[in-house]
C-alpha atoms as a PDB file:
ATOM      1  CA  PRO A   1     108.558 -73.698 -93.287  1.00  0.00           C
ATOM      2  CA  PRO A   2     111.995 -71.666 -93.580  1.00  0.00           C
ATOM      3  CA  ARG A   3     114.020 -72.074 -90.645  1.00  0.00           C
ATOM      4  CA  LEU A   4     116.534 -70.436 -88.810  1.00  0.00           C
ATOM      5  CA  ARG A   5     119.519 -72.884 -86.806  1.00  0.00           C
ATOM      6  CA  VAL A   6     120.745 -71.057 -83.687  1.00  0.00           C
ATOM      7  CA  GLY A   7     124.451 -70.369 -82.613  1.00  0.00           C
ATOM      8  CA  GLU A   8     126.337 -70.882 -79.534  1.00  0.00           C
ATOM      9  CA  LEU A   9     125.597 -68.241 -76.922  1.00  0.00           C
ATOM     10  CA  SER A  10     129.339 -67.987 -74.820  1.00  0.00           C
ATOM     11  CA  ASP A  11     129.718 -66.471 -71.433  1.00  0.00           C
ATOM     12  CA  ASP A  12     131.158 -63.451 -72.170  1.00  0.00           C
ATOM     13  CA  LEU A  13     129.344 -62.072 -75.102  1.00  0.00           C
ATOM     14  CA  ILE A  14     127.806 -58.610 -74.297  1.00  0.00           C
ATOM     15  CA  LEU A  15     124.899 -57.079 -74.642  1.00  0.00           C
ATOM     16  CA  ASP A  16     125.245 -53.674 -76.172  1.00  0.00           C
ATOM     17  CA  GLY A  17     123.632 -53.588 -79.140  1.00  0.00           C
ATOM     18  CA  HIS A  18     126.885 -53.831 -81.658  1.00  0.00           C
ATOM     19  CA  LEU A  19     125.965 -57.416 -82.858  1.00  0.00           C
ATOM     20  CA  ASP A  20     130.641 -57.766 -82.392  1.00  0.00           C
ATOM     21  CA  ASP A  21     130.820 -59.812 -80.826  1.00  0.00           C
ATOM     22  CA  ALA A  22     132.454 -63.338 -82.153  1.00  0.00           C
ATOM     23  CA  ALA A  23     129.403 -65.805 -81.001  1.00  0.00           C
ATOM     24  CA  TRP A  24     127.390 -63.517 -83.916  1.00  0.00           C
ATOM     25  CA  ALA A  25     130.063 -63.233 -87.172  1.00  0.00           C
ATOM     26  CA  LYS A  26     129.599 -67.642 -87.060  1.00  0.00           C
ATOM     27  CA  ALA A  27     125.799 -68.039 -85.913  1.00  0.00           C
ATOM     28  CA  ASP A  28     123.767 -68.424 -88.985  1.00  0.00           C
ATOM     29  CA  ALA A  29     121.218 -65.669 -90.225  1.00  0.00           C
ATOM     30  CA  ILE A  30     118.237 -64.315 -91.831  1.00  0.00           C
ATOM     31  CA  LEU A  31     120.104 -62.038 -94.570  1.00  0.00           C
ATOM     32  CA  GLY A  32     116.445 -60.142 -96.092  1.00  0.00           C
ATOM     33  CA  LEU A  33     112.860 -60.090 -94.972  1.00  0.00           C
ATOM     34  CA  THR A  34     110.251 -59.347 -97.491  1.00  0.00           C
ATOM     35  CA  MET A  35     107.124 -56.620 -97.481  1.00  0.00           C
ATOM     36  CA  VAL A  36     103.698 -57.018 -96.470  1.00  0.00           C
ATOM     37  CA  GLU A  37     103.133 -52.891 -97.039  1.00  0.00           C
ATOM     38  CA  PRO A  38     102.819 -51.440 -98.945  1.00  0.00           C
ATOM     39  CA  ASP A  39     103.520 -53.401-101.721  1.00  0.00           C
ATOM     40  CA  GLU A  40     102.619 -56.774-100.368  1.00  0.00           C
ATOM     41  CA  GLY A  41     105.268 -60.142-101.567  1.00  0.00           C
ATOM     42  CA  VAL A  42     108.154 -58.227-103.102  1.00  0.00           C
ATOM     43  CA  ALA A  43     112.089 -57.619-101.487  1.00  0.00           C
ATOM     44  CA  ALA A  44     111.977 -55.030 -98.221  1.00  0.00           C
ATOM     45  CA  SER A  45     113.256 -51.770 -99.563  1.00  0.00           C
ATOM     46  CA  MET A  46     115.998 -52.197 -96.701  1.00  0.00           C
ATOM     47  CA  GLY A  47     117.835 -54.898 -95.510  1.00  0.00           C
ATOM     48  CA  THR A  48     117.037 -56.520 -91.580  1.00  0.00           C
ATOM     49  CA  GLU A  49     119.657 -59.269 -90.910  1.00  0.00           C
ATOM     50  CA  ILE A  50     118.470 -61.333 -87.761  1.00  0.00           C
ATOM     51  CA  ARG A  51     120.823 -63.856 -85.982  1.00  0.00           C
ATOM     52  CA  VAL A  52     120.184 -66.219 -82.691  1.00  0.00           C
ATOM     53  CA  LEU A  53     122.602 -67.362 -80.014  1.00  0.00           C
ATOM     54  CA  ALA A  54     121.086 -69.342 -76.676  1.00  0.00           C
ATOM     55  CA  ASN A  55     122.477 -71.594 -74.045  1.00  0.00           C
ATOM     56  CA  SER A  56     121.072 -73.898 -70.889  1.00  0.00           C
ATOM     57  CA  THR A  57     119.887 -70.739 -69.952  1.00  0.00           C
ATOM     58  CA  THR A  58     119.410 -68.021 -72.365  1.00  0.00           C
ATOM     59  CA  LEU A  59     118.132 -66.732 -75.877  1.00  0.00           C
ATOM     60  CA  VAL A  60     120.012 -63.636 -77.780  1.00  0.00           C
ATOM     61  CA  ILE A  61     118.525 -62.122 -79.986  1.00  0.00           C
ATOM     62  CA  GLY A  62     120.270 -59.701 -82.499  1.00  0.00           C
ATOM     63  CA  ILE A  63     119.000 -57.903 -85.408  1.00  0.00           C
ATOM     64  CA  LEU A  64     120.746 -55.702 -87.807  1.00  0.00           C
ATOM     65  CA  CYS A  65     118.594 -52.566 -89.201  1.00  0.00           C
ATOM     66  CA  ARG A  66     120.198 -51.068 -91.880  1.00  0.00           C
ATOM     67  CA  ASP A  67     118.917 -48.086 -93.155  1.00  0.00           C
ATOM     68  CA  PRO A  68     121.086 -45.274 -95.760  1.00  0.00           C
ATOM     69  CA  ASN A  69     119.854 -42.279 -93.551  1.00  0.00           C
ATOM     70  CA  PRO A  70     119.861 -42.792 -90.420  1.00  0.00           C
ATOM     71  CA  ALA A  71     119.226 -39.650 -89.250  1.00  0.00           C
ATOM     72  CA  ALA A  72     115.718 -40.252 -90.386  1.00  0.00           C
ATOM     73  CA  ILE A  73     114.842 -43.083 -88.067  1.00  0.00           C
ATOM     74  CA  VAL A  74     112.153 -42.239 -86.093  1.00  0.00           C
ATOM     75  CA  SER A  75     112.050 -43.547 -82.086  1.00  0.00           C
ATOM     76  CA  ARG A  76     110.511 -41.714 -79.748  1.00  0.00           C
ATOM     77  CA  SER A  77     109.260 -43.918 -76.943  1.00  0.00           C
ATOM     78  CA  VAL A  78     111.746 -44.565 -74.009  1.00  0.00           C
ATOM     79  CA  ALA A  79     108.825 -45.755 -71.730  1.00  0.00           C
ATOM     80  CA  ARG A  80     107.751 -49.547 -71.600  1.00  0.00           C
ATOM     81  CA  ASP A  81     104.780 -50.993 -73.640  1.00  0.00           C
ATOM     82  CA  SER A  82     104.474 -47.792 -75.207  1.00  0.00           C
ATOM     83  CA  GLY A  83     102.708 -50.041 -77.978  1.00  0.00           C
ATOM     84  CA  GLN A  84     104.900 -47.707 -80.635  1.00  0.00           C
ATOM     85  CA  ASN A  85     103.141 -47.541 -82.745  1.00  0.00           C
ATOM     86  CA  GLY A  86     103.963 -44.325 -85.403  1.00  0.00           C
ATOM     87  CA  GLU A  87     107.842 -44.709 -84.312  1.00  0.00           C
ATOM     88  CA  ASP A  88     110.732 -47.231 -86.285  1.00  0.00           C
ATOM     89  CA  HIS A  89     110.412 -51.053 -83.787  1.00  0.00           C
ATOM     90  CA  VAL A  90     110.673 -54.755 -84.414  1.00  0.00           C
ATOM     91  CA  ARG A  91     108.684 -57.326 -83.453  1.00  0.00           C
ATOM     92  CA  VAL A  92     110.009 -60.880 -82.737  1.00  0.00           C
ATOM     93  CA  VAL A  93     107.725 -63.705 -81.866  1.00  0.00           C
ATOM     94  CA  LEU A  94     108.157 -66.864 -79.803  1.00  0.00           C
ATOM     95  CA  GLY A  95     106.669 -69.314 -80.380  1.00  0.00           C
ATOM     96  CA  PRO A  96     107.777 -72.607 -77.543  1.00  0.00           C
ATOM     97  CA  PHE A  97     104.528 -74.599 -78.377  1.00  0.00           C
ATOM     98  CA  ARG A  98     104.074 -75.560 -81.531  1.00  0.00           C
ATOM     99  CA  ASP A  99     100.591 -75.487 -81.002  1.00  0.00           C
ATOM    100  CA  GLY A 100      99.977 -72.477 -83.078  1.00  0.00           C
ATOM    101  CA  ARG A 101      97.864 -71.075 -80.881  1.00  0.00           C
ATOM    102  CA  SER A 102      99.904 -69.367 -78.402  1.00  0.00           C
ATOM    103  CA  GLY A 103     103.326 -67.573 -78.034  1.00  0.00           C
ATOM    104  CA  TYR A 104     104.934 -64.530 -77.264  1.00  0.00           C
ATOM    105  CA  VAL A 105     105.869 -60.893 -78.443  1.00  0.00           C
ATOM    106  CA  PHE A 106     108.688 -59.243 -77.783  1.00  0.00           C
ATOM    107  CA  ALA A 107     109.378 -55.621 -78.978  1.00  0.00           C
ATOM    108  CA  VAL A 108     111.688 -52.746 -78.577  1.00  0.00           C
ATOM    109  CA  ASN A 109     113.132 -49.265 -81.159  1.00  0.00           C
ATOM    110  CA  PRO A 110     115.244 -47.788 -82.093  1.00  0.00           C
ATOM    111  CA  SER A 111     115.714 -45.991 -78.381  1.00  0.00           C
ATOM    112  CA  GLY A 112     115.475 -48.854 -76.291  1.00  0.00           C
ATOM    113  CA  ALA A 113     111.872 -48.643 -74.964  1.00  0.00           C
ATOM    114  CA  ARG A 114     110.945 -52.160 -74.816  1.00  0.00           C
ATOM    115  CA  TYR A 115     107.409 -54.294 -75.556  1.00  0.00           C
ATOM    116  CA  ASP A 116     106.349 -57.270 -74.598  1.00  0.00           C
ATOM    117  CA  GLY A 117     102.998 -59.522 -74.302  1.00  0.00           C
ATOM    118  CA  LEU A 118     101.389 -63.227 -74.082  1.00  0.00           C
ATOM    119  CA  ILE A 119      99.937 -64.078 -77.506  1.00  0.00           C
ATOM    120  CA  SER A 120      96.116 -66.384 -77.647  1.00  0.00           C
ATOM    121  CA  SER A 121      93.131 -66.635 -79.585  1.00  0.00           C
ATOM    122  CA  ASN A 122      95.164 -68.385 -82.513  1.00  0.00           C
ATOM    123  CA  GLY A 123      97.324 -64.906 -82.562  1.00  0.00           C
ATOM    124  CA  GLU A 124      94.837 -63.394 -82.672  1.00  0.00           C
ATOM    125  CA  ARG A 125      95.028 -61.449 -78.873  1.00  0.00           C
ATOM    126  CA  THR A 126      98.049 -60.249 -77.111  1.00  0.00           C
ATOM    127  CA  ASP A 127      98.469 -59.042 -73.398  1.00  0.00           C
ATOM    128  CA  SER A 128     100.431 -56.363 -73.107  1.00  0.00           C
ATOM    129  CA  SER A 129      99.714 -57.241 -69.139  1.00  0.00           C
ATOM    130  CA  TRP A 130     102.095 -59.638 -69.089  1.00  0.00           C
ATOM    131  CA  ASP A 131     106.208 -58.183 -68.095  1.00  0.00           C
ATOM    132  CA  GLY A 132     108.435 -60.604 -68.365  1.00  0.00           C
ATOM    133  CA  ILE A 133     112.140 -60.728 -67.919  1.00  0.00           C
ATOM    134  CA  TRP A 134     114.389 -59.604 -70.353  1.00  0.00           C
ATOM    135  CA  GLU A 135     117.096 -57.340 -71.512  1.00  0.00           C
ATOM    136  CA  ALA A 136     117.789 -55.051 -74.775  1.00  0.00           C
ATOM    137  CA  LYS A 137     120.461 -52.623 -75.814  1.00  0.00           C
ATOM    138  CA  THR A 138     120.528 -50.721 -79.493  1.00  0.00           C
ATOM    139  CA  ALA A 139     123.124 -49.060 -80.922  1.00  0.00           C
ATOM    140  CA  ARG A 140     123.084 -46.717 -84.192  1.00  0.00           C
ATOM    141  CA  ASN A 141     125.485 -46.283 -86.950  1.00  0.00           C
ATOM    142  CA  GLY A 142     126.212 -44.808 -90.246  1.00  0.00           C
ATOM    143  CA  ASP A 143     124.490 -48.366 -91.746  1.00  0.00           C
ATOM    144  CA  GLY A 144     121.103 -47.864 -89.263  1.00  0.00           C
ATOM    145  CA  TRP A 145     120.261 -49.480 -86.122  1.00  0.00           C
ATOM    146  CA  SER A 146     121.078 -52.890 -84.257  1.00  0.00           C
ATOM    147  CA  VAL A 147     119.366 -54.611 -81.158  1.00  0.00           C
ATOM    148  CA  GLU A 148     119.849 -56.939 -78.598  1.00  0.00           C
ATOM    149  CA  MET A 149     117.823 -58.920 -76.636  1.00  0.00           C
ATOM    150  CA  ARG A 150     118.699 -61.209 -74.139  1.00  0.00           C
ATOM    151  CA  ILE A 151     115.762 -63.434 -72.796  1.00  0.00           C
ATOM    152  CA  PRO A 152     115.940 -65.457 -69.492  1.00  0.00           C
ATOM    153  CA  ILE A 153     114.564 -69.183 -70.229  1.00  0.00           C
ATOM    154  CA  ARG A 154     112.719 -69.020 -67.066  1.00  0.00           C
ATOM    155  CA  THR A 155     110.696 -65.912 -68.390  1.00  0.00           C
ATOM    156  CA  LEU A 156     109.079 -68.651 -70.841  1.00  0.00           C
ATOM    157  CA  ARG A 157     106.998 -71.703 -70.509  1.00  0.00           C
ATOM    158  CA  PHE A 158     107.959 -73.994 -73.431  1.00  0.00           C
ATOM    159  CA  GLY A 159     107.519 -77.281 -74.707  1.00  0.00           C
ATOM    160  CA  ALA A 160     110.248 -79.671 -72.899  1.00  0.00           C
ATOM    161  CA  GLU A 161     110.100 -82.357 -75.514  1.00  0.00           C
ATOM    162  CA  LEU A 162     110.365 -79.502 -78.327  1.00  0.00           C
ATOM    163  CA  GLU A 163     113.370 -79.203 -81.046  1.00  0.00           C
ATOM    164  CA  ALA A 164     112.301 -76.603 -82.710  1.00  0.00           C
ATOM    165  CA  TRP A 165     109.844 -73.589 -81.157  1.00  0.00           C
ATOM    166  CA  ASP A 166     108.066 -71.237 -83.872  1.00  0.00           C
ATOM    167  CA  PHE A 167     109.434 -67.883 -84.630  1.00  0.00           C
ATOM    168  CA  ASN A 168     109.031 -64.988 -86.219  1.00  0.00           C
ATOM    169  CA  VAL A 169     110.620 -60.938 -86.862  1.00  0.00           C
ATOM    170  CA  GLU A 170     108.765 -58.573 -87.892  1.00  0.00           C
ATOM    171  CA  ARG A 171     109.992 -55.241 -88.781  1.00  0.00           C
ATOM    172  CA  TRP A 172     108.315 -51.640 -89.266  1.00  0.00           C
ATOM    173  CA  ILE A 173     110.224 -48.147 -90.764  1.00  0.00           C
ATOM    174  CA  GLU A 174     108.416 -45.579 -89.582  1.00  0.00           C
ATOM    175  CA  ARG A 175     108.681 -42.597 -92.571  1.00  0.00           C
ATOM    176  CA  LEU A 176     108.066 -45.322 -95.415  1.00  0.00           C
ATOM    177  CA  GLN A 177     105.421 -46.659 -93.951  1.00  0.00           C
ATOM    178  CA  GLU A 178     107.128 -50.044 -94.884  1.00  0.00           C
ATOM    179  CA  ARG A 179     106.360 -53.313 -92.819  1.00  0.00           C
ATOM    180  CA  ASP A 180     108.631 -56.573 -93.325  1.00  0.00           C
ATOM    181  CA  ARG A 181     108.699 -60.222 -92.125  1.00  0.00           C
ATOM    182  CA  TRP A 182     109.792 -63.259 -92.468  1.00  0.00           C
ATOM    183  CA  THR A 183     107.382 -65.853 -92.591  1.00  0.00           C
ATOM    184  CA  GLY A 184     103.487 -65.035 -93.082  1.00  0.00           C
ATOM    185  CA  ALA A 185     103.736 -62.026 -95.373  1.00  0.00           C
ATOM    186  CA  ALA A 186     100.663 -61.085 -96.616  1.00  0.00           C
ATOM    187  CA  ARG A 187      98.569 -58.119 -95.729  1.00  0.00           C
ATOM    188  CA  ASP A 188      96.016 -60.785 -94.133  1.00  0.00           C
ATOM    189  CA  ARG A 189      97.478 -62.307 -91.441  1.00  0.00           C
ATOM    190  CA  LYS A 190      99.850 -60.971 -88.018  1.00  0.00           C
ATOM    191  CA  VAL A 191     102.988 -61.321 -86.866  1.00  0.00           C
ATOM    192  CA  THR A 192     101.457 -62.681 -83.884  1.00  0.00           C
ATOM    193  CA  GLN A 193      99.470 -65.907 -85.200  1.00  0.00           C
ATOM    194  CA  THR A 194     102.407 -68.727 -85.640  1.00  0.00           C
ATOM    195  CA  LEU A 195     100.563 -70.641 -87.242  1.00  0.00           C
ATOM    196  CA  HIS A 196     102.726 -68.529 -89.941  1.00  0.00           C
ATOM    197  CA  ALA A 197     105.718 -68.879 -88.713  1.00  0.00           C
ATOM    198  CA  GLY A 198     109.210 -69.962 -90.039  1.00  0.00           C
ATOM    199  CA  LEU A 199     110.885 -72.172 -87.219  1.00  0.00           C
ATOM    200  CA  LEU A 200     114.352 -71.700 -84.655  1.00  0.00           C
ATOM    201  CA  VAL A 201     116.127 -74.935 -84.855  1.00  0.00           C
ATOM    202  CA  GLY A 202     119.032 -75.847 -82.823  1.00  0.00           C
ATOM    203  CA  LEU A 203     118.083 -75.366 -79.872  1.00  0.00           C
ATOM    204  CA  PRO A 204     119.902 -77.061 -76.429  1.00  0.00           C
ATOM    205  CA  ARG A 205     118.352 -78.008 -73.732  1.00  0.00           C
ATOM    206  CA  PHE A 206     117.376 -75.894 -71.649  1.00  0.00           C
ATOM    207  CA  ASP A 207     117.428 -76.202 -67.732  1.00  0.00           C
ATOM    208  CA  LEU A 208     113.825 -76.163 -66.481  1.00  0.00           C
END
């Protein structure tokens, strides 16, 4: 599976939705997604960049969603766990046990509304009643919108012996009815199916 190496998270990173801290520039990146729908398997119509930073206590995920027409971005919800159907958003999936059956999903829309849930049943079920402790900040500019998600490690259960986690990202562009994904970009698969995810590698030793 494809891999993304985690960058080093510094203590002075400012969570403001802007990916302009020096640590982001040094980190490896996913520089493009693959379309799931409407045209399965082709390059996404808009650029998406994903980077991840970590230290012993925290994971921070930064996503830049390029859009040539930012005024057309659809974002309505501001409440937590609104589901974000019918609006632009990004979803991040983590599989910290690498068992292909379980994991976590975190989603954010351009207005900063958050959604989270526990993945079970091989990715077929998501329990949105779970509310983890995490933050997200978003920003918009002439290039589109961006988000920074900060997840304390204490929010997650994980296999302490693992040096890599399952990882995937999905972006929905409402006005185009377009779904883009890093790995497992097929209509008959869900982003929550960690069996089809990529890998997040280079993880530090986390404080338990």
